[in-house]
PDB file of all heavy atoms in Angstrom:
ATOM      1  N   ALA A   1       3.709   7.269   1.443  1.00  0.00           N
ATOM      2  CA  ALA A   1       4.001   5.952   2.030  1.00  0.00           C
ATOM      3  C   ALA A   1       5.236   5.366   1.353  1.00  0.00           C
ATOM      4  O   ALA A   1       5.587   5.741   0.231  1.00  0.00           O
ATOM      5  CB  ALA A   1       2.807   5.006   1.866  1.00  0.00           C
ATOM      6  N   VAL A   2       5.913   4.471   2.090  1.00  0.00           N
ATOM      7  CA  VAL A   2       7.074   3.754   1.555  1.00  0.00           C
ATOM      8  C   VAL A   2       6.769   2.262   1.595  1.00  0.00           C
ATOM      9  O   VAL A   2       6.354   1.735   2.642  1.00  0.00           O
ATOM     10  CB  VAL A   2       8.351   4.060   2.372  1.00  0.00           C
ATOM     11  CG1 VAL A   2       9.504   3.200   1.879  1.00  0.00           C
ATOM     12  CG2 VAL A   2       8.698   5.532   2.282  1.00  0.00           C
ATOM     13  N   LEU A   3       6.964   1.592   0.475  1.00  0.00           N
ATOM     14  CA  LEU A   3       6.749   0.149   0.372  1.00  0.00           C
ATOM     15  C   LEU A   3       8.107  -0.517   0.152  1.00  0.00           C
ATOM     16  O   LEU A   3       8.769  -0.270  -0.862  1.00  0.00           O
ATOM     17  CB  LEU A   3       5.800  -0.158  -0.784  1.00  0.00           C
ATOM     18  CG  LEU A   3       5.461  -1.634  -1.026  1.00  0.00           C
ATOM     19  CD1 LEU A   3       4.768  -2.234   0.188  1.00  0.00           C
ATOM     20  CD2 LEU A   3       4.605  -1.796  -2.273  1.00  0.00           C
ATOM     21  N   THR A   4       8.516  -1.321   1.125  1.00  0.00           N
ATOM     22  CA  THR A   4       9.843  -1.932   1.071  1.00  0.00           C
ATOM     23  C   THR A   4       9.826  -3.203   0.246  1.00  0.00           C
ATOM     24  O   THR A   4       8.959  -4.058   0.418  1.00  0.00           O
ATOM     25  CB  THR A   4      10.325  -2.241   2.499  1.00  0.00           C
ATOM     26  OG1 THR A   4      10.303  -1.046   3.276  1.00  0.00           O
ATOM     27  CG2 THR A   4      11.754  -2.776   2.480  1.00  0.00           C
ATOM     28  N   LYS A   5      10.781  -3.327  -0.663  1.00  0.00           N
ATOM     29  CA  LYS A   5      10.949  -4.555  -1.449  1.00  0.00           C
ATOM     30  C   LYS A   5      11.822  -5.530  -0.654  1.00  0.00           C
ATOM     31  O   LYS A   5      12.729  -5.101   0.054  1.00  0.00           O
ATOM     32  CB  LYS A   5      11.628  -4.255  -2.781  1.00  0.00           C
ATOM     33  CG  LYS A   5      10.847  -3.345  -3.717  1.00  0.00           C
ATOM     34  CD  LYS A   5      11.698  -3.068  -4.961  1.00  0.00           C
ATOM     35  CE  LYS A   5      11.034  -2.134  -5.929  1.00  0.00           C
ATOM     36  NZ  LYS A   5      11.897  -1.815  -7.064  1.00  0.00           N
ATOM     37  N   PRO A   6      11.626  -6.820  -0.844  1.00  0.00           N
ATOM     38  CA  PRO A   6      10.523  -7.433  -1.603  1.00  0.00           C
ATOM     39  C   PRO A   6       9.216  -7.341  -0.805  1.00  0.00           C
ATOM     40  O   PRO A   6       9.238  -7.331   0.415  1.00  0.00           O
ATOM     41  CB  PRO A   6      10.971  -8.874  -1.764  1.00  0.00           C
ATOM     42  CG  PRO A   6      11.855  -9.122  -0.572  1.00  0.00           C
ATOM     43  CD  PRO A   6      12.546  -7.836  -0.286  1.00  0.00           C
ATOM     44  N   PHE A   7       8.097  -7.295  -1.519  1.00  0.00           N
ATOM     45  CA  PHE A   7       6.805  -7.193  -0.851  1.00  0.00           C
ATOM     46  C   PHE A   7       5.867  -8.298  -1.354  1.00  0.00           C
ATOM     47  O   PHE A   7       6.028  -8.819  -2.463  1.00  0.00           O
ATOM     48  CB  PHE A   7       6.166  -5.829  -1.084  1.00  0.00           C
ATOM     49  CG  PHE A   7       6.150  -5.383  -2.525  1.00  0.00           C
ATOM     50  CD1 PHE A   7       5.216  -5.901  -3.422  1.00  0.00           C
ATOM     51  CD2 PHE A   7       7.060  -4.450  -2.984  1.00  0.00           C
ATOM     52  CE1 PHE A   7       5.197  -5.504  -4.736  1.00  0.00           C
ATOM     53  CE2 PHE A   7       7.041  -4.054  -4.319  1.00  0.00           C
ATOM     54  CZ  PHE A   7       6.109  -4.587  -5.195  1.00  0.00           C
ATOM     55  N   LYS A   8       4.920  -8.624  -0.509  1.00  0.00           N
ATOM     56  CA  LYS A   8       3.899  -9.588  -0.892  1.00  0.00           C
ATOM     57  C   LYS A   8       2.757  -8.870  -1.614  1.00  0.00           C
ATOM     58  O   LYS A   8       2.572  -7.656  -1.417  1.00  0.00           O
ATOM     59  CB  LYS A   8       3.346 -10.285   0.363  1.00  0.00           C
ATOM     60  CG  LYS A   8       4.393 -11.014   1.179  1.00  0.00           C
ATOM     61  CD  LYS A   8       3.778 -11.531   2.483  1.00  0.00           C
ATOM     62  CE  LYS A   8       4.840 -12.168   3.369  1.00  0.00           C
ATOM     63  NZ  LYS A   8       4.276 -12.612   4.664  1.00  0.00           N
ATOM     64  N   PRO A   9       1.985  -9.564  -2.426  1.00  0.00           N
ATOM     65  CA  PRO A   9       0.861  -8.909  -3.104  1.00  0.00           C
ATOM     66  C   PRO A   9      -0.076  -8.214  -2.141  1.00  0.00           C
ATOM     67  O   PRO A   9      -0.523  -7.099  -2.400  1.00  0.00           O
ATOM     68  CB  PRO A   9       0.169 -10.078  -3.820  1.00  0.00           C
ATOM     69  CG  PRO A   9       1.251 -11.077  -4.078  1.00  0.00           C
ATOM     70  CD  PRO A   9       2.154 -10.967  -2.906  1.00  0.00           C
ATOM     71  N   GLU A  10      -0.367  -8.856  -0.982  1.00  0.00           N
ATOM     72  CA  GLU A  10      -1.279  -8.211  -0.040  1.00  0.00           C
ATOM     73  C   GLU A  10      -0.687  -6.948   0.555  1.00  0.00           C
ATOM     74  O   GLU A  10      -1.403  -5.998   0.887  1.00  0.00           O
ATOM     75  CB  GLU A  10      -1.687  -9.176   1.086  1.00  0.00           C
ATOM     76  CG  GLU A  10      -0.533  -9.792   1.854  1.00  0.00           C
ATOM     77  CD  GLU A  10      -0.127 -11.156   1.303  1.00  0.00           C
ATOM     78  OE1 GLU A  10      -0.206 -11.346   0.063  1.00  0.00           O
ATOM     79  OE2 GLU A  10       0.271 -12.005   2.100  1.00  0.00           O
ATOM     80  N   ASP A  11       0.682  -6.907   0.706  1.00  0.00           N
ATOM     81  CA  ASP A  11       1.305  -5.683   1.197  1.00  0.00           C
ATOM     82  C   ASP A  11       1.155  -4.548   0.197  1.00  0.00           C
ATOM     83  O   ASP A  11       0.839  -3.405   0.578  1.00  0.00           O
ATOM     84  CB  ASP A  11       2.794  -5.926   1.464  1.00  0.00           C
ATOM     85  CG  ASP A  11       3.026  -6.891   2.604  1.00  0.00           C
ATOM     86  OD1 ASP A  11       2.151  -6.986   3.491  1.00  0.00           O
ATOM     87  OD2 ASP A  11       4.079  -7.574   2.617  1.00  0.00           O
ATOM     88  N   LEU A  12       1.375  -4.839  -1.078  1.00  0.00           N
ATOM     89  CA  LEU A  12       1.214  -3.838  -2.123  1.00  0.00           C
ATOM     90  C   LEU A  12      -0.209  -3.316  -2.150  1.00  0.00           C
ATOM     91  O   LEU A  12      -0.444  -2.093  -2.145  1.00  0.00           O
ATOM     92  CB  LEU A  12       1.601  -4.438  -3.472  1.00  0.00           C
ATOM     93  CG  LEU A  12       1.264  -3.580  -4.714  1.00  0.00           C
ATOM     94  CD1 LEU A  12       1.986  -2.228  -4.658  1.00  0.00           C
ATOM     95  CD2 LEU A  12       1.626  -4.334  -5.997  1.00  0.00           C
ATOM     96  N   LEU A  13      -1.182  -4.216  -2.179  1.00  0.00           N
ATOM     97  CA  LEU A  13      -2.580  -3.796  -2.277  1.00  0.00           C
ATOM     98  C   LEU A  13      -3.030  -3.050  -1.022  1.00  0.00           C
ATOM     99  O   LEU A  13      -3.816  -2.101  -1.109  1.00  0.00           O
ATOM    100  CB  LEU A  13      -3.471  -5.020  -2.510  1.00  0.00           C
ATOM    101  CG  LEU A  13      -3.224  -5.751  -3.851  1.00  0.00           C
ATOM    102  CD1 LEU A  13      -4.087  -6.996  -3.928  1.00  0.00           C
ATOM    103  CD2 LEU A  13      -3.511  -4.826  -5.023  1.00  0.00           C
ATOM    104  N   ARG A  14      -2.535  -3.468   0.142  1.00  0.00           N
ATOM    105  CA  ARG A  14      -2.922  -2.791   1.378  1.00  0.00           C
ATOM    106  C   ARG A  14      -2.432  -1.350   1.387  1.00  0.00           C
ATOM    107  O   ARG A  14      -3.179  -0.427   1.731  1.00  0.00           O
ATOM    108  CB  ARG A  14      -2.365  -3.535   2.591  1.00  0.00           C
ATOM    109  CG  ARG A  14      -2.596  -2.819   3.913  1.00  0.00           C
ATOM    110  CD  ARG A  14      -2.025  -3.607   5.079  1.00  0.00           C
ATOM    111  NE  ARG A  14      -0.639  -3.993   4.884  1.00  0.00           N
ATOM    112  CZ  ARG A  14       0.398  -3.163   5.065  1.00  0.00           C
ATOM    113  NH1 ARG A  14       0.185  -1.923   5.445  1.00  0.00           N
ATOM    114  NH2 ARG A  14       1.622  -3.583   4.864  1.00  0.00           N
ATOM    115  N   VAL A  15      -1.148  -1.132   1.023  1.00  0.00           N
ATOM    116  CA  VAL A  15      -0.598   0.223   1.022  1.00  0.00           C
ATOM    117  C   VAL A  15      -1.311   1.101   0.000  1.00  0.00           C
ATOM    118  O   VAL A  15      -1.650   2.256   0.268  1.00  0.00           O
ATOM    119  CB  VAL A  15       0.927   0.184   0.751  1.00  0.00           C
ATOM    120  CG1 VAL A  15       1.477   1.587   0.596  1.00  0.00           C
ATOM    121  CG2 VAL A  15       1.651  -0.526   1.886  1.00  0.00           C
ATOM    122  N   VAL A  16      -1.562   0.547  -1.196  1.00  0.00           N
ATOM    123  CA  VAL A  16      -2.265   1.308  -2.235  1.00  0.00           C
ATOM    124  C   VAL A  16      -3.651   1.727  -1.748  1.00  0.00           C
ATOM    125  O   VAL A  16      -4.060   2.900  -1.873  1.00  0.00           O
ATOM    126  CB  VAL A  16      -2.367   0.474  -3.526  1.00  0.00           C
ATOM    127  CG1 VAL A  16      -3.367   1.107  -4.500  1.00  0.00           C
ATOM    128  CG2 VAL A  16      -1.003   0.349  -4.185  1.00  0.00           C
ATOM    129  N   ARG A  17      -4.390   0.761  -1.194  1.00  0.00           N
ATOM    130  CA  ARG A  17      -5.741   1.077  -0.743  1.00  0.00           C
ATOM    131  C   ARG A  17      -5.738   2.095   0.413  1.00  0.00           C
ATOM    132  O   ARG A  17      -6.565   2.996   0.480  1.00  0.00           O
ATOM    133  CB  ARG A  17      -6.431  -0.223  -0.293  1.00  0.00           C
ATOM    134  CG  ARG A  17      -7.914  -0.128   0.002  1.00  0.00           C
ATOM    135  CD  ARG A  17      -8.712   0.128  -1.281  1.00  0.00           C
ATOM    136  NE  ARG A  17      -9.039   1.527  -1.457  1.00  0.00           N
ATOM    137  CZ  ARG A  17      -9.396   2.051  -2.642  1.00  0.00           C
ATOM    138  NH1 ARG A  17      -9.438   1.304  -3.727  1.00  0.00           N
ATOM    139  NH2 ARG A  17      -9.673   3.321  -2.742  1.00  0.00           N
ATOM    140  N   THR A  18      -4.741   1.947   1.327  1.00  0.00           N
ATOM    141  CA  THR A  18      -4.662   2.859   2.466  1.00  0.00           C
ATOM    142  C   THR A  18      -4.402   4.285   2.028  1.00  0.00           C
ATOM    143  O   THR A  18      -5.032   5.238   2.510  1.00  0.00           O
ATOM    144  CB  THR A  18      -3.552   2.395   3.434  1.00  0.00           C
ATOM    145  OG1 THR A  18      -3.849   1.073   3.899  1.00  0.00           O
ATOM    146  CG2 THR A  18      -3.438   3.322   4.628  1.00  0.00           C
ATOM    147  N   VAL A  19      -3.453   4.466   1.079  1.00  0.00           N
ATOM    148  CA  VAL A  19      -3.134   5.815   0.604  1.00  0.00           C
ATOM    149  C   VAL A  19      -4.313   6.421  -0.150  1.00  0.00           C
ATOM    150  O   VAL A  19      -4.668   7.590   0.032  1.00  0.00           O
ATOM    151  CB  VAL A  19      -1.867   5.779  -0.284  1.00  0.00           C
ATOM    152  CG1 VAL A  19      -1.669   7.143  -0.971  1.00  0.00           C
ATOM    153  CG2 VAL A  19      -0.647   5.408   0.540  1.00  0.00           C
ATOM    154  N   LEU A  20      -4.984   5.614  -0.985  1.00  0.00           N
ATOM    155  CA  LEU A  20      -6.128   6.132  -1.741  1.00  0.00           C
ATOM    156  C   LEU A  20      -7.267   6.528  -0.796  1.00  0.00           C
ATOM    157  O   LEU A  20      -7.886   7.580  -0.950  1.00  0.00           O
ATOM    158  CB  LEU A  20      -6.600   5.085  -2.747  1.00  0.00           C
ATOM    159  CG  LEU A  20      -5.710   4.914  -3.993  1.00  0.00           C
ATOM    160  CD1 LEU A  20      -6.152   3.695  -4.781  1.00  0.00           C
ATOM    161  CD2 LEU A  20      -5.741   6.169  -4.865  1.00  0.00           C
ATOM    162  N   ASP A  21      -7.533   5.683   0.204  1.00  0.00           N
ATOM    163  CA  ASP A  21      -8.635   5.972   1.117  1.00  0.00           C
ATOM    164  C   ASP A  21      -8.350   7.194   1.985  1.00  0.00           C
ATOM    165  O   ASP A  21      -9.275   7.885   2.423  1.00  0.00           O
ATOM    166  CB  ASP A  21      -8.911   4.763   2.017  1.00  0.00           C
ATOM    167  CG  ASP A  21      -9.537   3.611   1.226  1.00  0.00           C
ATOM    168  OD1 ASP A  21     -10.027   3.859   0.115  1.00  0.00           O
ATOM    169  OD2 ASP A  21      -9.510   2.457   1.733  1.00  0.00           O
ATOM    170  N   SER A  22      -7.062   7.453   2.251  1.00  0.00           N
ATOM    171  CA  SER A  22      -6.717   8.595   3.110  1.00  0.00           C
ATOM    172  C   SER A  22      -6.943   9.925   2.409  1.00  0.00           C
ATOM    173  O   SER A  22      -6.937  10.968   3.056  1.00  0.00           O
ATOM    174  CB  SER A  22      -5.243   8.492   3.541  1.00  0.00           C
ATOM    175  OG  SER A  22      -4.378   8.654   2.426  1.00  0.00           O
ATOM    176  N   GLN A  23      -7.165   9.883   1.081  1.00  0.00           N
ATOM    177  CA  GLN A  23      -7.401  11.119   0.324  1.00  0.00           C
ATOM    178  C   GLN A  23      -8.863  11.547   0.361  1.00  0.00           C
ATOM    179  O   GLN A  23      -9.201  12.651  -0.059  1.00  0.00           O
ATOM    180  CB  GLN A  23      -6.955  10.945  -1.136  1.00  0.00           C
ATOM    181  CG  GLN A  23      -5.536  10.429  -1.308  1.00  0.00           C
ATOM    182  CD  GLN A  23      -4.505  11.301  -0.635  1.00  0.00           C
ATOM    183  OE1 GLN A  23      -4.511  12.515  -0.796  1.00  0.00           O
ATOM    184  NE2 GLN A  23      -3.613  10.677   0.130  1.00  0.00           N
ATOM    185  N   ASP A  24      -9.715  10.656   0.821  1.00  0.00           N
ATOM    186  CA  ASP A  24     -11.161  10.976   0.813  1.00  0.00           C
ATOM    187  C   ASP A  24     -11.503  12.019   1.863  1.00  0.00           C
ATOM    188  O   ASP A  24     -10.878  12.098   2.896  1.00  0.00           O
ATOM    189  CB  ASP A  24     -11.970   9.702   1.056  1.00  0.00           C
ATOM    190  CG  ASP A  24     -11.752   8.699  -0.082  1.00  0.00           C
ATOM    191  OD1 ASP A  24     -11.354   9.148  -1.174  1.00  0.00           O
ATOM    192  OD2 ASP A  24     -11.969   7.491   0.147  1.00  0.00           O
TER     193      ASP A  24
END
């Protein structure tokens, strides 16, 4: 995934959670 700066906290947490969950 690519996270574009500047980002909001919810954007950061959403991308992190999405990538982690996709590994299950």
